[in-house]
């Protein structure tokens, strides 16, 4: 396994103590039962029984029923839930291959798909002789800004177009399947799953359908959340803008060009990489937006040459820095880790919203720095816990979703302090695989225009 993915050493053999702690934790959990329209229980109290491995899954059936068993439900019809407690996922860092780029595409100013790299930007930082760049991050906010259209509901649409146009290179001839991957989704969806063990504020909903042997995951954004985004404060809107504006100061449109800070900030434009990666026993294919590529990168091949650009408020104290690593850095790490981006360039802004310092952070160093700053006693997040839960969630989905039908949706839901549960829906509002894609994959033909 490559050094980029090996962020932590295997833990010491303390399973007996962990098992006692896990049993106490699970006994204290009380999850209310919910029923579907047909009266079938969909989420029940988690059994207090704990398996040999602290990060294995547990069933919702009273008594013991291992999820390692064949993909079936119990005689009572009670499905499974997946517990979240971090103490259950303290195992060694799971097997993972370094992410590999298998393709890319661009999205223009109208968010239209283009199967090329014309939206790729090039890292062009200011001279090192300028220690305080003083980038005005609010310049152009009122007159050169195209904000994100909250009415857009893209789902997996763009990555599905890429797959439809390149499906021949993804075919699994041995298994006679259209795609040689277990999962298709977006990086943003995976980031939410990866950070779930330590998330305390916002839950998620993921719709899953099994089609031609591949599982598709698409986030469902409730209307209440959409309304909340539209009604966010002016300051929140400004902070969103500043992230995009920072990219205009740091990136050029051509490899030998210079940045143009006066250009319009259009949030619909994007360059996207298509990544394939192995996590545990699962192969995944997903798309991810890329901020820029570094022509001088020591890793010339993508995704190693890609960089993330971020802004945050300048650190005012040690407590401020600890909180930054505890709550924000876990998401930055997860985002870059999943897509194999090795470096994050951070622009620290002052109270006047001007960048006063630039710093490059190695993605692989983030978990160790977080542990050093936060400490074990402060419930520091751990990369191995995130990854073990992530692989267990993928195991869980595979065991639950076994019917190959693009119109059948299993809606996996999670809210803080509860387990992951799911409901089943057929021909419902949650169906997300478009008919054109289903027909194209069944025909086994590449699609040049969709």
Protein backbone atom coordinates (compact mmCIF):
# COMPACT_ATOMS: atom_id res chain seq x y z
CA UNK A 1 0.00 0.00 0.00
CA UNK A 2 1.32 3.41 -0.95
CA UNK A 3 2.56 5.88 1.63
CA UNK A 4 -0.21 8.33 0.85
CA UNK A 5 -2.87 5.97 2.14
CA UNK A 6 -0.84 4.69 5.08
CA UNK A 7 -1.73 7.56 7.39
CA UNK A 8 -1.60 5.61 10.66
CA UNK A 9 0.20 2.62 12.17
CA UNK A 10 -1.79 -0.49 13.20
CA UNK A 11 -3.11 -0.24 16.73
CA UNK A 12 -1.83 -2.35 19.62
CA UNK A 13 -3.62 -5.54 20.59
CA UNK A 14 -6.14 -4.24 23.13
CA UNK A 15 -9.26 -5.98 21.86
CA UNK A 16 -10.39 -7.39 25.18
CA UNK A 17 -10.57 -3.95 26.77
CA UNK A 18 -12.16 -2.46 23.63
CA UNK A 19 -14.75 -5.23 23.59
CA UNK A 20 -15.85 -4.48 27.16
CA UNK A 21 -16.07 -0.76 26.32
CA UNK A 22 -18.02 -1.50 23.14
CA UNK A 23 -20.51 -3.69 25.00
CA UNK A 24 -21.14 -0.90 27.50
CA UNK A 25 -21.55 1.64 24.69
CA UNK A 26 -23.99 -0.50 22.73
CA UNK A 27 -26.06 -1.37 25.79
CA UNK A 28 -26.62 2.34 26.34
CA UNK A 29 -27.99 2.87 22.82
CA UNK A 30 -31.73 3.08 22.42
CA UNK A 31 -32.99 3.46 18.88
CA UNK A 32 -36.75 3.80 18.44
CA UNK A 33 -38.44 1.49 15.95
CA UNK A 34 -39.92 3.03 12.81
CA UNK A 35 -42.28 1.38 10.40
CA UNK A 36 -42.83 1.73 6.69
CA UNK A 37 -46.22 2.25 5.12
CA UNK A 38 -46.66 -1.53 5.11
CA UNK A 39 -45.98 -1.80 8.83
CA UNK A 40 -42.56 -3.46 8.53
CA UNK A 41 -40.06 -2.34 11.20
CA UNK A 42 -37.24 -0.40 9.58
CA UNK A 43 -35.04 0.55 12.51
CA UNK A 44 -34.89 -1.32 15.80
CA UNK A 45 -32.66 -1.33 18.90
CA UNK A 46 -29.15 -2.53 18.14
CA UNK A 47 -28.27 -5.82 19.76
CA UNK A 48 -25.77 -5.50 22.63
CA UNK A 49 -23.82 -8.47 21.32
CA UNK A 50 -20.37 -7.64 19.95
CA UNK A 51 -18.33 -9.75 17.56
CA UNK A 52 -14.64 -10.65 17.82
CA UNK A 53 -13.66 -7.68 15.65
CA UNK A 54 -14.52 -4.30 17.22
CA UNK A 55 -15.48 -2.80 13.85
CA UNK A 56 -17.73 -5.55 12.47
CA UNK A 57 -21.39 -4.90 11.78
CA UNK A 58 -24.24 -5.93 14.05
CA UNK A 59 -27.81 -6.81 13.22
CA UNK A 60 -31.04 -5.32 14.49
CA UNK A 61 -32.44 -8.73 15.42
CA UNK A 62 -32.74 -9.41 19.12
CA UNK A 63 -29.98 -11.90 19.84
CA UNK A 64 -27.11 -12.63 17.45
CA UNK A 65 -27.17 -12.60 13.66
CA UNK A 66 -23.91 -11.84 11.90
CA UNK A 67 -23.89 -9.67 8.79
CA UNK A 68 -21.22 -12.00 7.50
CA UNK A 69 -24.07 -14.45 6.79
CA UNK A 70 -25.61 -14.72 3.28
CA UNK A 71 -27.55 -11.70 1.98
CA UNK A 72 -30.94 -12.40 3.51
CA UNK A 73 -33.33 -11.05 6.08
CA UNK A 74 -34.45 -12.80 9.21
CA UNK A 75 -37.72 -14.72 9.36
CA UNK A 76 -39.31 -11.76 11.16
CA UNK A 77 -38.55 -9.47 8.23
CA UNK A 78 -36.48 -7.11 10.41
CA UNK A 79 -33.61 -5.63 8.36
CA UNK A 80 -30.27 -4.52 9.68
CA UNK A 81 -28.95 -1.25 11.06
CA UNK A 82 -25.33 -0.13 11.21
CA UNK A 83 -24.04 1.33 14.52
CA UNK A 84 -21.83 4.42 14.40
CA UNK A 85 -19.86 4.45 17.68
CA UNK A 86 -16.17 5.15 16.87
CA UNK A 87 -15.07 2.57 19.44
CA UNK A 88 -16.44 -0.15 17.14
CA UNK A 89 -14.03 0.79 14.35
CA UNK A 90 -10.66 0.89 16.13
CA UNK A 91 -9.15 -1.84 13.95
CA UNK A 92 -6.03 -1.53 11.80
CA UNK A 93 -6.18 0.73 8.77
CA UNK A 94 -7.94 -1.31 6.04
CA UNK A 95 -6.48 -2.26 2.70
CA UNK A 96 -6.64 0.48 0.06
CA UNK A 97 -5.05 1.13 -3.31
CA UNK A 98 -3.90 4.60 -4.29
CA UNK A 99 -6.64 6.35 -6.34
CA UNK A 100 -6.17 6.21 -10.12
CA UNK A 101 -7.57 8.69 -12.63
CA UNK A 102 -9.43 6.90 -15.43
CA UNK A 103 -10.89 9.98 -17.13
CA UNK A 104 -12.03 13.57 -16.79
CA UNK A 105 -14.58 16.08 -18.07
CA UNK A 106 -15.43 19.78 -17.87
CA UNK A 107 -18.57 21.73 -16.97
CA UNK A 108 -19.04 25.10 -18.69
CA UNK A 109 -20.63 28.36 -17.50
CA UNK A 110 -24.11 26.90 -18.05
CA UNK A 111 -23.11 23.67 -16.25
CA UNK A 112 -23.19 21.76 -19.53
CA UNK A 113 -21.07 18.63 -19.86
CA UNK A 114 -17.99 18.63 -22.12
CA UNK A 115 -15.81 15.54 -22.44
CA UNK A 116 -12.52 17.47 -22.37
CA UNK A 117 -10.20 19.36 -20.00
CA UNK A 118 -10.81 22.95 -21.10
CA UNK A 119 -11.83 23.96 -17.56
CA UNK A 120 -8.61 22.68 -15.99
CA UNK A 121 -6.77 25.47 -14.17
CA UNK A 122 -3.03 25.72 -13.48
CA UNK A 123 -1.47 26.54 -10.14
CA UNK A 124 0.31 29.90 -10.38
CA UNK A 125 1.06 31.21 -6.86
CA UNK A 126 2.55 34.61 -6.16
CA UNK A 127 6.32 34.96 -5.84
CA UNK A 128 7.80 33.68 -2.58
CA UNK A 129 9.25 37.18 -2.16
CA UNK A 130 5.71 38.36 -1.33
CA UNK A 131 5.09 36.99 2.20
CA UNK A 132 1.76 38.82 2.62
CA UNK A 133 -0.16 38.62 -0.68
CA UNK A 134 -3.11 40.73 0.55
CA UNK A 135 -5.67 39.20 -1.80
CA UNK A 136 -9.01 40.97 -1.42
CA UNK A 137 -11.39 38.01 -1.25
CA UNK A 138 -14.54 40.11 -1.56
CA UNK A 139 -13.47 41.95 -4.69
CA UNK A 140 -16.14 41.43 -7.37
CA UNK A 141 -18.71 39.97 -4.98
CA UNK A 142 -21.43 42.42 -6.06
CA UNK A 143 -20.71 42.73 -9.78
CA UNK A 144 -18.64 39.75 -11.03
CA UNK A 145 -20.26 36.75 -9.40
CA UNK A 146 -22.55 33.98 -10.66
CA UNK A 147 -23.64 32.10 -7.52
CA UNK A 148 -24.69 28.48 -7.47
CA UNK A 149 -28.24 27.82 -8.65
CA UNK A 150 -29.91 25.98 -5.76
CA UNK A 151 -32.61 24.85 -8.14
CA UNK A 152 -30.18 22.52 -9.92
CA UNK A 153 -30.62 18.84 -9.11
CA UNK A 154 -27.77 17.14 -10.90
CA UNK A 155 -27.41 13.98 -8.88
CA UNK A 156 -25.10 11.58 -10.68
CA UNK A 157 -26.00 13.01 -14.08
CA UNK A 158 -22.54 14.24 -15.12
CA UNK A 159 -20.56 11.16 -14.12
CA UNK A 160 -23.21 8.97 -15.75
CA UNK A 161 -22.67 10.87 -19.00
CA UNK A 162 -18.95 10.18 -18.75
CA UNK A 163 -19.62 6.48 -18.10
CA UNK A 164 -22.06 6.28 -21.02
CA UNK A 165 -19.45 7.75 -23.35
CA UNK A 166 -16.61 5.56 -22.05
CA UNK A 167 -18.36 2.38 -20.97
CA UNK A 168 -16.34 0.11 -23.26
CA UNK A 169 -13.16 0.76 -21.27
CA UNK A 170 -15.04 -0.08 -18.06
CA UNK A 171 -16.59 -3.38 -19.12
CA UNK A 172 -15.94 -6.53 -17.09
CA UNK A 173 -15.76 -9.23 -19.75
CA UNK A 174 -15.12 -12.06 -17.28
CA UNK A 175 -18.27 -11.34 -15.27
CA UNK A 176 -20.11 -10.11 -18.37
CA UNK A 177 -21.03 -6.87 -16.60
CA UNK A 178 -21.18 -3.39 -18.21
CA UNK A 179 -18.94 -1.92 -15.47
CA UNK A 180 -16.01 -3.49 -13.66
CA UNK A 181 -16.69 -1.58 -10.42
CA UNK A 182 -18.84 -2.25 -7.36
CA UNK A 183 -19.91 1.36 -6.72
CA UNK A 184 -20.54 4.52 -8.74
CA UNK A 185 -21.08 7.83 -6.94
CA UNK A 186 -19.63 11.32 -6.27
CA UNK A 187 -16.75 12.20 -3.99
CA UNK A 188 -18.96 14.55 -1.97
CA UNK A 189 -21.26 11.67 -1.04
CA UNK A 190 -18.33 9.51 0.04
CA UNK A 191 -16.85 12.34 2.11
CA UNK A 192 -20.01 12.47 4.21
CA UNK A 193 -19.88 8.73 4.84
CA UNK A 194 -16.16 8.77 5.66
CA UNK A 195 -16.57 11.47 8.35
CA UNK A 196 -19.81 10.08 9.85
CA UNK A 197 -18.28 8.60 13.05
CA UNK A 198 -17.32 12.12 14.19
CA UNK A 199 -20.14 14.20 12.69
CA UNK A 200 -22.39 15.77 15.35
CA UNK A 201 -24.55 18.26 13.44
CA UNK A 202 -25.86 17.15 10.07
CA UNK A 203 -27.18 13.78 8.93
CA UNK A 204 -27.52 12.46 5.39
CA UNK A 205 -29.68 10.41 3.07
CA UNK A 206 -28.21 8.23 0.31
CA UNK A 207 -30.36 6.52 -2.29
CA UNK A 208 -28.89 3.26 -3.58
CA UNK A 209 -29.88 1.18 -6.60
CA UNK A 210 -28.29 -2.01 -7.93
CA UNK A 211 -28.14 -2.05 -11.72
CA UNK A 212 -26.32 -4.57 -13.91
CA UNK A 213 -24.16 -5.67 -10.98
CA UNK A 214 -23.05 -2.18 -9.90
CA UNK A 215 -24.36 -0.19 -6.92
CA UNK A 216 -25.14 3.49 -7.55
CA UNK A 217 -25.19 5.94 -4.62
CA UNK A 218 -26.89 9.33 -4.95
CA UNK A 219 -27.54 11.83 -2.17
CA UNK A 220 -31.09 12.96 -1.47
CA UNK A 221 -31.25 16.58 -0.31
CA UNK A 222 -34.49 17.23 1.61
CA UNK A 223 -36.51 20.30 0.66
CA UNK A 224 -36.01 21.73 4.15
CA UNK A 225 -32.25 21.71 3.59
CA UNK A 226 -32.64 23.35 0.17
CA UNK A 227 -34.76 26.12 1.71
CA UNK A 228 -32.18 26.59 4.45
CA UNK A 229 -29.43 27.02 1.87
CA UNK A 230 -31.44 29.65 0.01
CA UNK A 231 -32.08 31.53 3.25
CA UNK A 232 -28.49 31.50 4.52
CA UNK A 233 -27.03 34.70 5.90
CA UNK A 234 -25.22 37.30 3.83
CA UNK A 235 -22.01 36.45 5.66
CA UNK A 236 -22.34 32.77 4.75
CA UNK A 237 -22.80 33.77 1.11
CA UNK A 238 -19.68 35.92 1.28
CA UNK A 239 -17.64 33.07 2.74
CA UNK A 240 -18.72 30.80 -0.10
CA UNK A 241 -17.67 33.45 -2.60
CA UNK A 242 -14.27 33.93 -0.97
CA UNK A 243 -13.36 30.28 -1.57
CA UNK A 244 -13.98 30.64 -5.31
CA UNK A 245 -12.31 34.06 -5.43
CA UNK A 246 -9.15 32.65 -3.85
CA UNK A 247 -8.85 30.29 -6.82
CA UNK A 248 -8.87 33.27 -9.21
CA UNK A 249 -5.85 34.73 -7.41
CA UNK A 250 -3.97 31.43 -7.39
CA UNK A 251 -4.73 29.87 -10.78
CA UNK A 252 -4.19 30.60 -14.48
CA UNK A 253 -6.19 29.36 -17.45
CA UNK A 254 -3.08 28.14 -19.28
CA UNK A 255 0.06 26.36 -18.13
CA UNK A 256 2.37 29.35 -18.56
CA UNK A 257 -0.24 32.02 -17.92
CA UNK A 258 -0.88 34.36 -15.01
CA UNK A 259 -3.95 34.59 -12.77
CA UNK A 260 -6.70 37.05 -13.69
CA UNK A 261 -8.38 38.19 -10.43
CA UNK A 262 -10.70 40.49 -12.40
CA UNK A 263 -12.44 37.54 -14.11
CA UNK A 264 -16.03 36.66 -13.29
CA UNK A 265 -16.45 34.07 -10.56
CA UNK A 266 -18.87 31.50 -11.97
CA UNK A 267 -19.59 28.66 -9.55
CA UNK A 268 -21.04 26.46 -12.31
CA UNK A 269 -17.71 26.06 -14.12
CA UNK A 270 -15.62 23.07 -13.10
CA UNK A 271 -13.04 20.52 -14.14
CA UNK A 272 -13.79 17.02 -12.84
CA UNK A 273 -11.57 13.98 -12.52
CA UNK A 274 -13.00 10.46 -12.67
CA UNK A 275 -11.32 8.29 -10.07
CA UNK A 276 -11.21 4.53 -9.58
CA UNK A 277 -10.03 3.15 -6.24
CA UNK A 278 -10.09 -0.02 -4.17
CA UNK A 279 -11.20 0.28 -0.52
CA UNK A 280 -11.21 -2.99 1.36
CA UNK A 281 -12.88 -5.50 -0.96
CA UNK A 282 -14.81 -2.80 -2.80
CA UNK A 283 -13.96 -1.07 -6.08
CA UNK A 284 -15.35 2.43 -6.50
CA UNK A 285 -15.66 4.86 -9.40
CA UNK A 286 -16.56 8.48 -8.68
CA UNK A 287 -16.10 11.98 -10.01
CA UNK A 288 -14.58 14.87 -8.07
CA UNK A 289 -14.17 18.55 -8.86
CA UNK A 290 -10.52 19.64 -9.09
CA UNK A 291 -9.33 23.13 -8.15
CA UNK A 292 -6.12 23.06 -10.17
CA UNK A 293 -3.10 21.10 -11.34
CA UNK A 294 0.49 21.99 -10.43
CA UNK A 295 2.81 22.01 -13.49
CA UNK A 296 5.78 21.82 -11.09
CA UNK A 297 4.42 18.94 -9.03
CA UNK A 298 6.90 16.20 -8.06
CA UNK A 299 4.09 13.79 -8.99
CA UNK A 300 3.37 14.65 -12.63
CA UNK A 301 0.58 12.14 -13.18
CA UNK A 302 -2.96 12.83 -11.96
CA UNK A 303 -4.32 12.80 -9.34
CA UNK A 304 -0.91 13.36 -7.71
CA UNK A 305 -0.44 16.66 -9.54
CA UNK A 306 -3.82 18.03 -8.43
CA UNK A 307 -4.17 20.49 -5.56
CA UNK A 308 -6.98 21.67 -3.31
CA UNK A 309 -7.27 25.38 -2.53
CA UNK A 310 -8.93 26.44 0.72
CA UNK A 311 -9.42 29.60 2.75
CA UNK A 312 -9.96 29.99 6.46
CA UNK A 313 -9.67 32.64 9.13
CA UNK A 314 -6.14 33.25 10.45
CA UNK A 315 -5.50 31.36 13.69
CA UNK A 316 -5.76 33.61 16.72
CA UNK A 317 -4.89 31.13 19.47
CA UNK A 318 -3.93 27.54 20.24
CA UNK A 319 -7.57 26.77 21.04
CA UNK A 320 -8.60 28.17 17.66
CA UNK A 321 -6.07 25.92 15.91
CA UNK A 322 -7.22 22.85 17.87
CA UNK A 323 -10.85 23.44 16.94
CA UNK A 324 -9.85 23.99 13.33
CA UNK A 325 -8.17 20.59 13.19
CA UNK A 326 -10.94 18.90 15.14
CA UNK A 327 -13.95 20.08 13.13
CA UNK A 328 -12.83 21.43 9.75
CA UNK A 329 -9.65 19.55 8.93
CA UNK A 330 -11.31 16.14 9.11
CA UNK A 331 -13.48 17.13 6.13
CA UNK A 332 -10.55 18.62 4.23
CA UNK A 333 -8.56 15.45 4.83
CA UNK A 334 -11.43 13.16 3.78
CA UNK A 335 -12.05 15.11 0.58
CA UNK A 336 -8.40 15.04 -0.56
CA UNK A 337 -7.67 11.54 0.74
CA UNK A 338 -10.49 9.94 -1.25
CA UNK A 339 -9.38 11.42 -4.56
CA UNK A 340 -5.64 11.05 -3.99
CA UNK A 341 -4.83 14.77 -3.83
CA UNK A 342 -1.57 15.01 -1.84
CA UNK A 343 -1.47 18.75 -1.02
CA UNK A 344 -3.82 21.48 0.17
CA UNK A 345 -2.91 25.16 -0.19
CA UNK A 346 -4.55 27.27 2.50
CA UNK A 347 -5.06 31.01 2.32
CA UNK A 348 -5.42 32.48 5.82
CA UNK A 349 -7.54 35.62 5.84
CA UNK A 350 -7.69 38.46 8.37
CA UNK A 351 -10.72 40.32 9.70
CA UNK A 352 -10.73 42.48 6.56
CA UNK A 353 -11.14 39.32 4.43
CA UNK A 354 -7.71 39.71 2.87
CA UNK A 355 -5.29 36.79 2.56
CA UNK A 356 -2.32 37.42 4.83
CA UNK A 357 -0.58 34.05 4.67
CA UNK A 358 -0.27 31.06 2.35
CA UNK A 359 0.57 27.59 3.60
CA UNK A 360 0.83 24.19 1.94
CA UNK A 361 -0.36 21.20 3.97
CA UNK A 362 0.30 17.58 3.07
CA UNK A 363 -2.88 15.52 3.15
CA UNK A 364 -1.09 12.52 4.69
CA UNK A 365 0.16 14.64 7.61
CA UNK A 366 -3.25 15.91 8.71
CA UNK A 367 -4.31 12.98 10.98
CA UNK A 368 -0.98 13.02 12.86
CA UNK A 369 -1.09 16.80 13.31
CA UNK A 370 -4.68 16.56 14.56
CA UNK A 371 -3.69 13.91 17.11
CA UNK A 372 -0.79 16.06 18.31
CA UNK A 373 -2.91 19.21 18.67
CA UNK A 374 -6.11 17.70 20.02
CA UNK A 375 -4.88 14.71 22.01
CA UNK A 376 -6.57 11.42 22.84
CA UNK A 377 -8.34 12.83 25.89
CA UNK A 378 -10.13 15.40 23.71
CA UNK A 379 -11.74 12.72 21.49
CA UNK A 380 -9.50 13.37 18.51
CA UNK A 381 -10.73 11.90 15.25
CA UNK A 382 -8.78 9.02 13.75
CA UNK A 383 -8.26 8.22 10.08
CA UNK A 384 -8.38 4.47 10.72
CA UNK A 385 -11.78 4.78 12.45
CA UNK A 386 -13.15 6.77 9.52
CA UNK A 387 -11.85 4.23 7.02
CA UNK A 388 -13.02 1.17 8.95
CA UNK A 389 -16.51 2.62 9.22
CA UNK A 390 -16.41 3.56 5.54
CA UNK A 391 -15.56 -0.01 4.47
CA UNK A 392 -18.15 -1.40 6.89
CA UNK A 393 -20.80 0.86 5.39
CA UNK A 394 -19.96 -0.44 1.91
CA UNK A 395 -20.18 -4.00 3.28
CA UNK A 396 -23.55 -3.13 4.83
CA UNK A 397 -24.97 -1.73 1.60
CA UNK A 398 -23.88 -4.79 -0.36
CA UNK A 399 -25.57 -7.13 2.09
CA UNK A 400 -28.82 -5.15 2.05
CA UNK A 401 -29.20 -4.23 -1.63
CA UNK A 402 -29.36 -7.50 -3.57
CA UNK A 403 -32.17 -6.99 -6.10
CA UNK A 404 -30.90 -5.79 -9.47
CA UNK A 405 -33.49 -3.20 -10.50
CA UNK A 406 -32.80 0.47 -11.42
CA UNK A 407 -36.27 1.48 -10.20
CA UNK A 408 -35.84 -0.09 -6.77
CA UNK A 409 -34.24 2.30 -4.27
CA UNK A 410 -32.94 1.59 -0.80
CA UNK A 411 -32.81 4.91 1.05
CA UNK A 412 -30.06 4.81 3.68
CA UNK A 413 -30.50 7.45 6.37
CA UNK A 414 -28.42 8.64 9.26
CA UNK A 415 -28.89 11.29 11.95
CA UNK A 416 -26.31 12.16 14.62
CA UNK A 417 -26.30 9.84 17.67
CA UNK A 418 -28.24 7.14 15.84
CA UNK A 419 -27.38 4.16 13.62
CA UNK A 420 -27.64 3.98 9.84
CA UNK A 421 -31.04 2.58 8.85
CA UNK A 422 -32.87 2.25 5.55
CA UNK A 423 -36.26 2.11 3.85
CA UNK A 424 -37.21 0.48 0.55
CA UNK A 425 -38.98 2.31 -2.31
CA UNK A 426 -40.08 1.15 -5.76
CA UNK A 427 -41.04 3.51 -8.61
CA UNK A 428 -40.91 6.42 -6.18
CA UNK A 429 -39.68 9.99 -6.05
CA UNK A 430 -36.31 8.61 -4.96
CA UNK A 431 -35.63 6.79 -8.24
CA UNK A 432 -32.57 8.53 -9.67
CA UNK A 433 -31.05 6.51 -12.54
CA UNK A 434 -32.28 8.22 -15.76
CA UNK A 435 -33.98 6.13 -18.42
CA UNK A 436 -31.50 7.18 -21.13
CA UNK A 437 -28.64 5.78 -19.02
CA UNK A 438 -30.40 2.51 -18.26
CA UNK A 439 -31.09 1.95 -21.97
CA UNK A 440 -27.55 2.89 -23.00
CA UNK A 441 -25.92 0.50 -20.51
CA UNK A 442 -28.27 -2.34 -21.43
CA UNK A 443 -27.43 -1.84 -25.10
CA UNK A 444 -23.75 -1.78 -24.23
CA UNK A 445 -23.15 1.13 -26.57
CA UNK A 446 -21.15 4.29 -26.02
CA UNK A 447 -23.21 7.46 -26.13
CA UNK A 448 -21.72 10.49 -27.87
CA UNK A 449 -24.53 12.91 -27.07
CA UNK A 450 -27.00 12.67 -24.20
